[in-house]
């Protein structure tokens, strides 16, 4: 690390309607820096990174890049100048090949006359994939054949093309298992050695403190502090993020694992997707049942199968309130089952629809006057859930795509609360949300449990499974490898032993 300034963003200001996303923010990144960027959801992190990477323009302010004024008109232009970013949500395009995704907008680099040299393109794609531990993947294969995590690794490979001087990771590691995170950490180490720089956005405080040379804290669109390595601590960063000391309890404090004997959902000999095989599960009234494992263990397929989004090859899922076998998502919704997908932007919400439309969608039957939907009831219904979950928005008509990650997640949960769901299937519910929203979600789960609701929490974060669940089932290669009752003595190591 040295004192040579690579990028200065001076007095950056950005408004979206009445929302002041960035307020006179100045951030300086030197060569050799791994600059951590943190703040609550809605604090302006993604807005800042999107401005310096060419996704959007600031209203006011100046970017100085390598000593010269810089005003990128697009991400392609920014990457050509040496700034690459991996966005928070899914950034690949379905229906085309892996290589086509990597070189989207840059196909001209492989043009020979009127034609694209696909052989050369695939060869270069293979080189980039090898850098992200995907040397066994065919660049000519469809992107849709890859898991959510591997599609994110393809985005990292795309960002590496052109050998950028500044690499921006916007909540990238939340989508990755430890293997994928190790790829990111290796890239960051190499960037430091090569005297380049990284802007690293993460809600994982331990990770942020471990990898960053400096941390910038944003709050409500303003820069609050820049911390050197010696000044970083989890408690200090939390306090700077919210403007007060955090004293609230994070996880559950009880260890009795109490819930009813009544079974509300049962999966019997369930085989689904590419890996889940002969899986059995019983969910009880008032229980928080955790499902853990490595990314490709089958747990995400399990969540889809429980909600009727994935048709089982064998076995079935039964909801006992009406003794109904779930054969579709429609049947699941009718029987008061709610589902929040890991892939929030593509599967949990309609990004181009309003908060109101997303929240009310599962509950339209409750909002009818005769055969017509009452707009008055819709508005009142949405406002009630917005207030209940403290969703930060200008109004119920705001589009979901303009919300922060944490507020998007609140909307995806609000629609199932509004539909009076009795069973909740949460797949990685805390992915990409800050510690404050996490704490609020954990408290909501505790309240739902106390009300006799039942929750299946699928998670790659072992600490939250241990902290929140009455029982934990670990999957390995699509099968149950171990189960654990709630206990004060339960540790990450005990769970990991059953995962690998």
Foldseek 3Di string as FASTA:
>chain_A
DDDAWFKWWFQFWADDVPATQAGGAIDIDFFLFAEEEEFFFSLNPLVVLCQLQQVDHTPDTFMAGPNHTDGHNHNVRSLLVFEFEQAQAQDADFPAFLLCRLCPVNQVVQDDPPDGPVVVSQVLLLVLCVLQVNNVDRRRHTPVVDDRLVSSSSSVSSRPPPNGLEYEYALSCLSAAPSRVVSVLVVSVVSSVVRGYYYYYHQPLVVSLVRGQKYWYGESNYTQDIGGSVRDDPQVNVCSNVVHGDDDDQFDPDQPLDFDPAWFKWWAQFAWDDFAGGEIDTWGFLFAEEEEFHPPLCVLVVLCQQQQNTATPDTFMAGPVVRDTRNHNLVSLVQQEAEQHPNLPPPQAPQAFFLLCLLCVSPQVVQDDVPDGDPVSSQVLSVVLCVVLVQDDPGRRDGNNPGTPLSSLSSSVNSSVSSVHQEYEYEASCRRGHSVSSSVVNVVSNVSSVVRGIYYYYHHDVVNCLRYGQKYFYGERNYTQDMDGRDPPDDPVVNVVSHD
